[in-house]
N, C-alpha and C. Protein backbone atom coordinates (compact mmCIF):
# COMPACT_ATOMS: atom_id res chain seq x y z
N MET A 1 121.22 165.51 282.64
CA MET A 1 121.24 166.97 282.28
C MET A 1 119.83 167.39 281.75
N ASN A 2 119.45 168.52 282.03
CA ASN A 2 118.34 169.07 281.36
C ASN A 2 118.56 169.78 279.98
N VAL A 3 117.63 170.10 279.29
CA VAL A 3 117.90 170.78 278.00
C VAL A 3 118.83 171.91 278.01
N ALA A 4 118.76 172.88 278.90
CA ALA A 4 119.46 174.05 279.05
C ALA A 4 120.91 173.52 279.26
N GLU A 5 121.22 172.53 280.15
CA GLU A 5 122.56 172.08 280.37
C GLU A 5 123.19 171.39 279.16
N LEU A 6 122.36 170.60 278.50
CA LEU A 6 122.81 169.91 277.33
C LEU A 6 123.28 170.91 276.19
N LEU A 7 122.35 171.90 276.05
CA LEU A 7 122.64 172.85 274.88
C LEU A 7 123.80 173.75 275.21
N SER A 8 123.98 174.03 276.49
CA SER A 8 125.12 174.87 276.98
C SER A 8 126.48 174.00 276.75
N ALA A 9 126.33 172.74 277.20
CA ALA A 9 127.65 171.92 277.05
C ALA A 9 127.96 171.78 275.60
N ALA A 10 127.00 171.68 274.70
CA ALA A 10 127.34 171.54 273.24
C ALA A 10 127.96 172.87 272.79
N THR A 11 127.31 173.89 273.33
CA THR A 11 127.96 175.13 272.83
C THR A 11 129.30 175.34 273.35
N ASP A 12 129.70 174.90 274.42
CA ASP A 12 131.00 175.03 274.96
C ASP A 12 132.03 174.10 274.14
N LEU A 13 131.34 173.03 273.51
CA LEU A 13 132.27 172.11 272.76
C LEU A 13 132.60 172.68 271.36
N ALA A 14 131.69 173.61 270.86
CA ALA A 14 131.74 174.08 269.51
C ALA A 14 133.27 174.51 269.12
N THR A 15 133.74 173.98 268.02
CA THR A 15 135.10 174.26 267.60
C THR A 15 135.24 175.77 267.26
N ASP A 16 136.65 176.10 267.16
CA ASP A 16 136.95 177.42 266.82
C ASP A 16 136.37 177.78 265.43
N GLY A 17 135.77 178.95 265.26
CA GLY A 17 135.27 179.43 263.98
C GLY A 17 133.83 178.90 263.75
N PHE A 18 133.25 178.34 264.67
CA PHE A 18 131.86 177.81 264.59
C PHE A 18 131.04 178.87 263.87
N ARG A 19 130.29 178.49 262.93
CA ARG A 19 129.38 179.30 262.09
C ARG A 19 128.41 178.60 261.48
N THR A 20 127.05 179.00 261.65
CA THR A 20 125.98 178.26 261.04
C THR A 20 125.89 178.67 259.58
N ASP A 21 125.08 177.94 258.76
CA ASP A 21 124.83 178.28 257.30
C ASP A 21 124.37 179.74 257.27
N ALA A 22 123.74 180.23 258.27
CA ALA A 22 123.14 181.51 258.15
C ALA A 22 124.11 182.67 258.62
N GLY A 23 125.43 182.18 259.16
CA GLY A 23 126.39 183.18 259.52
C GLY A 23 126.41 183.43 260.99
N LEU A 24 125.53 182.63 261.78
CA LEU A 24 125.56 182.84 263.30
C LEU A 24 126.67 182.20 264.03
N THR A 25 127.05 182.75 265.03
CA THR A 25 128.24 182.36 265.82
C THR A 25 127.75 181.82 267.27
N VAL A 26 128.85 181.28 267.99
CA VAL A 26 128.53 180.90 269.40
C VAL A 26 127.96 181.92 270.18
N ASP A 27 128.36 183.13 269.92
CA ASP A 27 127.81 184.33 270.79
C ASP A 27 126.38 184.53 270.42
N ASP A 28 125.92 184.34 269.34
CA ASP A 28 124.47 184.40 269.08
C ASP A 28 123.72 183.30 269.75
N ILE A 29 124.20 182.18 269.76
CA ILE A 29 123.53 181.05 270.42
C ILE A 29 123.50 181.22 271.95
N ARG A 30 124.65 181.69 272.46
CA ARG A 30 124.57 181.87 273.97
C ARG A 30 123.59 183.01 274.35
N ARG A 31 123.37 183.96 273.53
CA ARG A 31 122.28 184.96 273.72
C ARG A 31 121.04 184.30 273.81
N ASP A 32 120.71 183.31 272.78
CA ASP A 32 119.35 182.72 272.85
C ASP A 32 119.20 181.82 274.17
N LEU A 33 120.32 181.17 274.55
CA LEU A 33 120.38 180.25 275.63
C LEU A 33 119.97 181.08 276.90
N ASP A 34 120.53 182.31 276.97
CA ASP A 34 120.26 183.27 278.16
C ASP A 34 118.86 183.63 278.24
N LEU A 35 118.15 183.63 276.92
CA LEU A 35 116.70 184.05 276.88
C LEU A 35 115.78 182.83 277.06
N THR A 36 116.46 181.65 277.32
CA THR A 36 115.68 180.36 277.35
C THR A 36 114.94 179.97 276.13
N GLU A 37 115.46 180.32 274.96
CA GLU A 37 114.97 179.94 273.67
C GLU A 37 115.61 178.66 273.32
N TRP A 38 115.15 177.65 273.95
CA TRP A 38 116.00 176.28 273.77
C TRP A 38 115.69 175.84 272.32
N GLU A 39 114.55 175.88 271.82
CA GLU A 39 114.34 175.31 270.41
C GLU A 39 114.99 176.07 269.32
N LEU A 40 115.07 177.46 269.53
CA LEU A 40 115.89 178.21 268.54
C LEU A 40 117.34 178.03 268.67
N ALA A 41 117.85 177.86 269.91
CA ALA A 41 119.25 177.57 270.12
C ALA A 41 119.61 176.13 269.48
N LEU A 42 118.79 175.18 269.67
CA LEU A 42 119.05 173.87 269.08
C LEU A 42 119.07 174.10 267.60
N GLY A 43 118.15 174.83 267.05
CA GLY A 43 117.98 175.03 265.70
C GLY A 43 119.35 175.52 264.98
N MET A 44 119.80 176.52 265.78
CA MET A 44 121.02 177.24 265.21
C MET A 44 122.25 176.25 265.40
N LEU A 45 122.29 175.54 266.49
CA LEU A 45 123.44 174.63 266.68
C LEU A 45 123.44 173.50 265.63
N VAL A 46 122.39 172.87 265.28
CA VAL A 46 122.37 171.81 264.31
C VAL A 46 122.47 172.44 262.83
N ASP A 47 122.43 173.69 262.64
CA ASP A 47 122.58 174.23 261.42
C ASP A 47 124.12 174.60 261.12
N VAL A 48 125.00 174.07 261.90
CA VAL A 48 126.37 174.42 261.71
C VAL A 48 126.93 173.98 260.30
N SER A 49 127.57 174.75 259.68
CA SER A 49 128.15 174.51 258.33
C SER A 49 129.13 173.37 258.28
N ASP A 50 128.99 172.72 257.30
CA ASP A 50 129.94 171.53 256.99
C ASP A 50 131.39 172.02 257.01
N GLU A 51 131.54 173.33 256.83
CA GLU A 51 132.94 174.00 256.84
C GLU A 51 133.56 173.86 258.19
N TYR A 52 132.76 173.78 259.18
CA TYR A 52 133.14 173.79 260.55
C TYR A 52 132.76 172.50 261.28
N PRO A 53 133.46 171.33 261.00
CA PRO A 53 132.96 170.14 261.56
C PRO A 53 133.14 170.14 263.06
N GLN A 54 132.03 169.54 263.67
CA GLN A 54 131.99 169.43 265.17
C GLN A 54 132.27 167.98 265.73
N PRO A 55 132.86 167.99 266.88
CA PRO A 55 133.04 166.63 267.37
C PRO A 55 131.88 165.86 267.73
N VAL A 56 131.98 164.44 267.83
CA VAL A 56 130.90 163.60 268.09
C VAL A 56 130.13 163.89 269.28
N ARG A 57 130.83 164.36 270.40
CA ARG A 57 130.24 164.53 271.64
C ARG A 57 129.13 165.71 271.50
N PHE A 58 129.51 166.73 270.64
CA PHE A 58 128.79 167.85 270.33
C PHE A 58 127.38 167.31 269.90
N TRP A 59 127.46 166.43 268.85
CA TRP A 59 126.30 165.94 268.29
C TRP A 59 125.49 165.03 269.19
N GLN A 60 126.12 164.26 270.01
CA GLN A 60 125.41 163.44 271.04
C GLN A 60 124.65 164.26 272.05
N LEU A 61 125.20 165.48 272.49
CA LEU A 61 124.57 166.31 273.48
C LEU A 61 123.35 166.97 272.84
N LEU A 62 123.40 167.40 271.54
CA LEU A 62 122.36 167.89 270.84
C LEU A 62 121.17 166.88 270.68
N ALA A 63 121.62 165.60 270.36
CA ALA A 63 120.61 164.63 270.20
C ALA A 63 119.88 164.38 271.43
N GLU A 64 120.57 164.33 272.54
CA GLU A 64 119.87 164.20 273.98
C GLU A 64 118.83 165.43 274.24
N ALA A 65 119.32 166.59 273.85
CA ALA A 65 118.45 167.75 274.03
C ALA A 65 117.21 167.63 273.14
N ALA A 66 117.40 167.25 271.92
CA ALA A 66 116.27 167.24 270.94
C ALA A 66 115.30 166.07 271.40
N GLU A 67 115.80 164.90 272.05
CA GLU A 67 114.98 163.95 272.58
C GLU A 67 114.16 164.49 273.71
N LEU A 68 114.72 165.24 274.57
CA LEU A 68 113.98 165.81 275.78
C LEU A 68 112.85 166.76 275.20
N MET A 69 113.16 167.48 274.03
CA MET A 69 112.15 168.40 273.53
C MET A 69 111.22 167.66 272.59
N ARG A 70 111.48 166.32 272.45
CA ARG A 70 110.56 165.59 271.43
C ARG A 70 110.53 166.01 270.07
N LEU A 71 111.81 166.33 269.61
CA LEU A 71 111.96 166.71 268.12
C LEU A 71 112.57 165.63 267.43
N ASP A 72 111.68 164.69 267.00
CA ASP A 72 112.22 163.39 266.29
C ASP A 72 113.20 163.67 265.11
N ARG A 73 112.69 164.60 264.24
CA ARG A 73 113.66 164.83 263.06
C ARG A 73 114.96 165.41 263.54
N SER A 74 115.10 166.24 264.44
CA SER A 74 116.17 166.82 265.01
C SER A 74 117.24 165.80 265.67
N VAL A 75 116.45 164.76 266.43
CA VAL A 75 117.19 163.74 266.93
C VAL A 75 117.87 162.84 265.89
N ALA A 76 117.08 162.47 264.91
CA ALA A 76 117.66 161.72 263.66
C ALA A 76 118.79 162.48 263.02
N TRP A 77 118.56 163.77 262.91
CA TRP A 77 119.62 164.61 262.27
C TRP A 77 121.02 164.58 263.03
N CYS A 78 120.86 164.73 264.37
CA CYS A 78 122.08 164.84 265.17
C CYS A 78 122.66 163.46 265.24
N HIS A 79 122.00 162.33 265.22
CA HIS A 79 122.68 161.02 265.11
C HIS A 79 123.32 160.88 263.81
N TRP A 80 122.70 161.46 262.71
CA TRP A 80 123.39 161.37 261.40
C TRP A 80 124.69 162.14 261.47
N ARG A 81 124.61 163.31 261.95
CA ARG A 81 125.73 164.22 261.99
C ARG A 81 126.91 163.51 262.91
N ALA A 82 126.55 162.88 263.92
CA ALA A 82 127.54 162.21 264.86
C ALA A 82 128.26 161.09 263.97
N TYR A 83 127.45 160.31 263.07
CA TYR A 83 128.20 159.38 262.22
C TYR A 83 129.09 160.06 261.26
N GLU A 84 128.68 161.18 260.67
CA GLU A 84 129.51 162.00 259.82
C GLU A 84 130.77 162.40 260.49
N ALA A 85 130.64 162.90 261.82
CA ALA A 85 131.74 163.43 262.53
C ALA A 85 133.03 162.20 262.59
N VAL A 86 132.63 160.95 262.61
CA VAL A 86 133.49 159.93 262.76
C VAL A 86 133.91 159.43 261.31
N ASN A 87 132.99 159.56 260.33
CA ASN A 87 133.34 158.82 259.06
C ASN A 87 133.40 159.80 257.90
N GLY A 88 133.21 161.00 258.14
CA GLY A 88 133.26 162.03 256.99
C GLY A 88 131.95 162.36 256.23
N VAL A 89 131.78 163.25 255.47
CA VAL A 89 130.70 163.69 254.83
C VAL A 89 130.69 163.47 253.36
N ILE A 90 129.65 162.76 252.97
CA ILE A 90 129.61 162.65 251.39
C ILE A 90 128.29 163.21 250.90
N ARG A 91 128.41 164.35 250.22
CA ARG A 91 127.25 164.97 249.70
C ARG A 91 127.13 164.80 248.08
N ALA A 92 125.85 164.60 247.67
CA ALA A 92 125.80 164.20 246.14
C ALA A 92 124.57 164.90 245.66
N ASP A 93 124.47 165.08 244.46
CA ASP A 93 123.23 165.66 243.73
C ASP A 93 122.57 164.34 243.08
N LEU A 94 121.54 163.84 243.48
CA LEU A 94 120.86 162.55 243.19
C LEU A 94 119.67 162.82 242.24
N ALA A 95 119.73 162.26 241.02
CA ALA A 95 118.66 162.37 240.03
C ALA A 95 118.06 160.95 239.98
N LEU A 96 116.86 160.82 240.43
CA LEU A 96 116.16 159.54 240.29
C LEU A 96 115.34 159.35 238.96
N SER A 97 115.51 157.99 238.45
CA SER A 97 114.86 157.68 237.30
C SER A 97 113.36 157.78 237.59
N ALA A 98 112.63 158.16 236.48
CA ALA A 98 111.19 158.18 236.45
C ALA A 98 110.57 156.79 236.66
N PRO A 99 109.44 156.61 237.29
CA PRO A 99 108.90 155.30 237.30
C PRO A 99 108.61 154.61 235.99
N GLU A 100 108.17 155.38 234.93
CA GLU A 100 108.00 154.73 233.66
C GLU A 100 109.31 154.22 233.00
N GLY A 101 110.43 154.78 233.52
CA GLY A 101 111.64 154.48 233.06
C GLY A 101 112.34 153.31 233.92
N GLY A 102 111.56 152.64 234.81
CA GLY A 102 112.11 151.59 235.60
C GLY A 102 112.52 152.06 237.03
N GLY A 103 112.23 153.42 237.35
CA GLY A 103 112.70 153.96 238.70
C GLY A 103 111.62 153.56 239.80
N ARG A 104 111.84 154.04 240.94
CA ARG A 104 111.10 153.93 242.18
C ARG A 104 109.68 154.41 241.83
N ARG A 105 108.77 153.81 242.48
CA ARG A 105 107.30 154.35 242.51
C ARG A 105 106.88 155.04 243.58
N SER A 106 107.80 155.03 244.74
CA SER A 106 107.48 155.87 245.94
C SER A 106 108.77 156.75 246.26
N ALA A 107 108.50 157.67 247.07
CA ALA A 107 109.47 158.61 247.46
C ALA A 107 110.52 158.06 248.32
N ILE A 108 111.75 158.53 248.21
CA ILE A 108 112.77 158.26 249.24
C ILE A 108 112.59 159.04 250.48
N PRO A 109 112.27 158.42 251.51
CA PRO A 109 112.15 159.17 252.93
C PRO A 109 113.37 159.99 253.16
N GLY A 110 113.27 161.17 253.76
CA GLY A 110 114.36 161.95 253.97
C GLY A 110 115.27 161.75 255.07
N THR A 111 114.89 160.89 255.99
CA THR A 111 115.62 160.75 257.20
C THR A 111 116.60 159.69 257.40
N GLY A 112 117.20 159.26 256.27
CA GLY A 112 118.17 158.22 256.40
C GLY A 112 117.85 156.80 256.68
N VAL A 113 116.51 156.55 256.29
CA VAL A 113 116.17 155.10 256.68
C VAL A 113 116.37 154.14 255.43
N LEU A 114 116.49 154.66 254.17
CA LEU A 114 116.62 153.95 252.95
C LEU A 114 118.11 153.51 252.81
N ARG A 115 118.47 152.31 252.58
CA ARG A 115 119.90 151.82 252.50
C ARG A 115 120.06 151.09 251.11
N PRO A 116 120.07 151.75 250.00
CA PRO A 116 120.25 151.38 248.68
C PRO A 116 121.66 150.87 248.46
N MET A 117 121.89 150.13 247.34
CA MET A 117 123.21 149.76 246.97
C MET A 117 123.74 150.80 245.94
N TRP A 118 125.04 150.94 245.83
CA TRP A 118 125.65 151.92 244.98
C TRP A 118 126.78 151.45 244.20
N GLU A 119 126.80 151.64 242.94
CA GLU A 119 127.95 151.34 242.09
C GLU A 119 128.97 152.44 242.17
N ILE A 120 130.11 152.18 242.82
CA ILE A 120 131.01 153.35 243.15
C ILE A 120 132.40 153.10 242.50
N GLY A 121 132.49 152.25 241.60
CA GLY A 121 133.74 151.99 240.91
C GLY A 121 134.56 150.72 241.14
N HIS A 122 134.09 149.99 242.15
CA HIS A 122 134.92 148.82 242.46
C HIS A 122 134.21 147.61 241.69
N ARG A 123 135.12 146.56 241.45
CA ARG A 123 134.76 145.57 240.64
C ARG A 123 135.01 144.21 241.39
N THR A 124 134.16 143.21 241.15
CA THR A 124 134.56 141.83 241.68
C THR A 124 135.57 141.19 241.00
N SER A 125 136.04 140.01 241.40
CA SER A 125 137.15 139.29 240.70
C SER A 125 136.62 138.87 239.32
N ALA A 126 135.38 138.65 239.12
CA ALA A 126 134.64 138.31 237.85
C ALA A 126 134.46 139.62 236.91
N GLY A 127 134.88 140.77 237.46
CA GLY A 127 134.70 141.94 236.59
C GLY A 127 133.41 142.74 236.71
N GLU A 128 132.38 142.17 237.63
CA GLU A 128 131.20 142.64 237.77
C GLU A 128 131.26 143.89 238.71
N PRO A 129 130.29 144.77 238.73
CA PRO A 129 130.24 145.90 239.69
C PRO A 129 130.16 145.46 241.05
N ASP A 130 131.05 145.85 241.99
CA ASP A 130 130.90 145.34 243.44
C ASP A 130 130.25 146.54 244.14
N LEU A 131 128.93 146.34 244.44
CA LEU A 131 128.09 147.37 245.00
C LEU A 131 128.40 147.57 246.44
N ALA A 132 128.19 148.74 246.89
CA ALA A 132 128.37 149.16 248.26
C ALA A 132 127.09 149.75 248.80
N ILE A 133 126.87 149.65 250.09
CA ILE A 133 125.53 150.14 250.63
C ILE A 133 125.84 151.36 251.45
N ALA A 134 124.84 152.48 251.18
CA ALA A 134 124.98 153.74 252.01
C ALA A 134 123.50 154.12 252.20
N ARG A 135 123.16 154.62 253.33
CA ARG A 135 121.95 155.43 253.66
C ARG A 135 121.93 156.67 253.02
N ILE A 136 120.62 157.14 252.77
CA ILE A 136 120.44 158.44 252.15
C ILE A 136 119.81 159.36 253.13
N TRP A 137 120.29 160.54 253.28
CA TRP A 137 119.51 161.74 253.92
C TRP A 137 119.26 162.72 252.88
N VAL A 138 118.05 163.09 252.58
CA VAL A 138 117.58 164.03 251.72
C VAL A 138 117.75 165.35 252.35
N GLU A 139 118.49 166.22 251.62
CA GLU A 139 118.63 167.63 252.20
C GLU A 139 117.50 168.58 251.70
N PHE A 140 117.20 169.52 252.63
CA PHE A 140 116.31 170.48 252.30
C PHE A 140 114.88 170.06 251.92
N ALA A 141 114.57 168.78 252.15
CA ALA A 141 113.23 168.36 251.89
C ALA A 141 112.89 167.04 252.75
N SER A 142 111.66 166.84 252.86
CA SER A 142 111.31 165.66 253.77
C SER A 142 111.35 164.45 252.98
N ALA A 143 111.42 164.43 251.62
CA ALA A 143 111.53 163.20 250.73
C ALA A 143 111.94 163.63 249.42
N LEU A 144 112.48 162.65 248.58
CA LEU A 144 112.83 162.91 247.22
C LEU A 144 111.78 161.99 246.35
N GLU A 145 111.00 162.73 245.65
CA GLU A 145 109.95 162.04 244.84
C GLU A 145 110.50 161.22 243.63
N PRO A 146 109.84 160.28 243.15
CA PRO A 146 110.34 159.53 241.96
C PRO A 146 110.47 160.41 240.87
N GLY A 147 111.60 160.27 240.10
CA GLY A 147 111.82 161.16 238.82
C GLY A 147 112.47 162.48 239.20
N GLN A 148 112.55 162.76 240.42
CA GLN A 148 113.10 164.13 240.83
C GLN A 148 114.65 164.11 241.13
N GLN A 149 115.14 165.28 241.33
CA GLN A 149 116.52 165.49 241.51
C GLN A 149 116.61 166.23 242.81
N GLY A 150 117.71 165.91 243.58
CA GLY A 150 118.03 166.78 244.86
C GLY A 150 119.15 166.42 245.51
N SER A 151 119.64 167.25 246.52
CA SER A 151 120.83 167.06 247.26
C SER A 151 120.63 166.11 248.38
N VAL A 152 121.63 165.18 248.49
CA VAL A 152 121.49 164.06 249.53
C VAL A 152 122.87 164.08 250.16
N ARG A 153 122.87 163.45 251.36
CA ARG A 153 123.96 163.10 252.26
C ARG A 153 123.95 161.55 252.18
N LEU A 154 125.18 160.99 252.04
CA LEU A 154 125.26 159.46 251.99
C LEU A 154 125.99 158.94 253.31
N ALA A 155 125.68 158.01 253.94
CA ALA A 155 126.30 157.34 255.02
C ALA A 155 126.50 155.78 254.73
N PRO A 156 127.84 155.63 254.20
CA PRO A 156 128.18 154.36 253.70
C PRO A 156 128.27 153.39 254.85
N LEU A 157 127.84 152.13 254.67
CA LEU A 157 128.10 150.92 255.61
C LEU A 157 129.53 150.70 255.88
N THR A 158 130.30 150.86 254.73
CA THR A 158 131.74 150.61 254.97
C THR A 158 132.42 151.86 254.34
N PRO A 159 132.55 152.91 255.10
CA PRO A 159 133.11 154.26 254.58
C PRO A 159 134.46 154.07 253.94
N GLN A 160 135.39 153.20 254.42
CA GLN A 160 136.76 153.11 253.76
C GLN A 160 136.62 152.87 252.20
N ARG A 161 135.59 152.15 251.88
CA ARG A 161 135.39 151.71 250.39
C ARG A 161 134.94 152.94 249.54
N TRP A 162 134.68 154.01 250.22
CA TRP A 162 134.21 155.18 249.40
C TRP A 162 135.24 156.36 249.42
N ARG A 163 136.33 156.18 250.05
CA ARG A 163 137.30 157.18 250.17
C ARG A 163 137.95 157.62 248.93
N HIS A 164 137.86 156.90 247.82
CA HIS A 164 138.38 157.27 246.47
C HIS A 164 137.56 158.30 245.75
N LEU A 165 136.24 158.52 246.21
CA LEU A 165 135.52 159.50 245.55
C LEU A 165 135.89 160.94 245.68
N THR A 166 135.65 161.69 244.58
CA THR A 166 135.92 163.13 244.53
C THR A 166 134.69 163.81 243.88
N PRO A 167 134.75 165.13 244.14
CA PRO A 167 133.69 165.97 243.49
C PRO A 167 133.72 165.75 242.01
N GLY A 168 132.65 165.54 241.38
CA GLY A 168 132.40 165.38 239.98
C GLY A 168 132.29 163.87 239.66
N ASP A 169 132.62 162.97 240.58
CA ASP A 169 132.48 161.54 240.30
C ASP A 169 131.01 161.18 240.14
N LEU A 170 130.63 160.28 239.37
CA LEU A 170 129.23 159.82 239.16
C LEU A 170 129.16 158.46 239.83
N ILE A 171 128.15 158.19 240.59
CA ILE A 171 127.84 156.90 241.10
C ILE A 171 126.42 156.58 240.79
N THR A 172 126.09 155.22 240.75
CA THR A 172 124.76 154.78 240.31
C THR A 172 124.04 154.18 241.51
N MET A 173 122.85 154.47 241.82
CA MET A 173 122.03 153.77 242.78
C MET A 173 121.26 152.68 242.27
N HIS A 174 121.16 151.67 243.02
CA HIS A 174 120.44 150.32 242.71
C HIS A 174 119.62 150.01 243.91
N GLU A 175 118.43 149.37 243.66
CA GLU A 175 117.61 148.92 244.72
C GLU A 175 117.49 147.31 244.45
N ILE A 176 117.33 146.97 243.09
CA ILE A 176 117.22 145.53 242.82
C ILE A 176 118.24 145.33 241.83
N ALA A 177 118.17 145.00 240.63
CA ALA A 177 119.06 144.76 239.62
C ALA A 177 119.45 146.03 238.86
N ALA A 178 118.44 146.72 238.40
CA ALA A 178 118.54 147.88 237.43
C ALA A 178 118.90 149.05 238.29
N PRO A 179 119.64 149.96 237.63
CA PRO A 179 119.89 151.35 238.22
C PRO A 179 118.64 152.02 238.32
N ILE A 180 118.44 152.74 239.45
CA ILE A 180 117.26 153.71 239.60
C ILE A 180 117.65 155.12 239.70
N GLY A 181 118.94 155.48 239.62
CA GLY A 181 119.33 156.87 239.91
C GLY A 181 120.82 157.13 239.69
N ILE A 182 121.21 158.32 239.42
CA ILE A 182 122.61 158.62 239.18
C ILE A 182 122.78 159.79 240.14
N ALA A 183 124.00 159.74 240.83
CA ALA A 183 124.40 160.82 241.77
C ALA A 183 125.68 161.44 241.32
N GLU A 184 125.77 162.73 241.45
CA GLU A 184 127.12 163.32 241.20
C GLU A 184 127.61 163.79 242.51
N ILE A 185 128.89 163.45 242.93
CA ILE A 185 129.39 163.77 244.14
C ILE A 185 129.60 165.33 244.21
N ILE A 186 129.16 165.91 245.24
CA ILE A 186 129.33 167.43 245.37
C ILE A 186 130.55 167.76 246.30
N SER A 187 130.55 166.98 247.48
CA SER A 187 131.73 167.14 248.25
C SER A 187 132.07 165.92 249.08
N VAL A 188 133.29 165.71 249.52
CA VAL A 188 133.73 164.61 250.30
C VAL A 188 134.53 165.38 251.26
N LEU A 189 134.20 165.30 252.55
CA LEU A 189 134.90 165.97 253.71
C LEU A 189 135.43 164.94 254.68
N PRO A 190 136.55 165.15 255.26
CA PRO A 190 137.05 164.34 256.31
C PRO A 190 136.25 164.21 257.56
N SER A 191 136.51 163.33 258.45
CA SER A 191 135.87 163.32 259.79
C SER A 191 136.21 164.52 260.50
N ALA A 192 135.48 164.72 261.68
CA ALA A 192 135.65 165.98 262.47
C ALA A 192 136.74 165.63 263.59
N PRO A 193 137.22 166.79 264.17
CA PRO A 193 138.25 166.58 265.15
C PRO A 193 137.63 165.91 266.30
N SER A 194 138.38 165.12 267.13
CA SER A 194 137.95 164.27 268.16
C SER A 194 137.59 165.28 269.39
């Protein structure tokens, strides 16, 4: 399929009530598709609000279109959202420790490549924290600098271990032994319809 066909197929798969964070609907996107505004249409489609979860195939089609347009960050985002469509969404407000307080000395890249460990409330049989791994996607920025705070999305390696979390819960980020950040859960949403 070409870009137009992929974007049109994704638009056709959009669930009832589809709305972007900016309030745009499927009709707005179809108008841009008719005007051959492929990148604009892709941008609107990937901006779908978390309140309107889309099926995995929707995100796969968008990833293919973004690949054809050579939009690497959009490709990564669509793959991320496909993962969320299967496993649910975990958003959190992450505050990184400052380097002088034992925190990271380099920024967290924004595109989900860092896989730190998290203390999420589980214990080993010896009573020690049983850490879990989750990738981080930094929202609204290309990176999260040391000592800064920002919104992140988490993609757990074992999603079922994270199902007990609710908004307001605090989890601790680890990279080695010492904690390097605290995150407050903002929202936990279920997987998308199939």
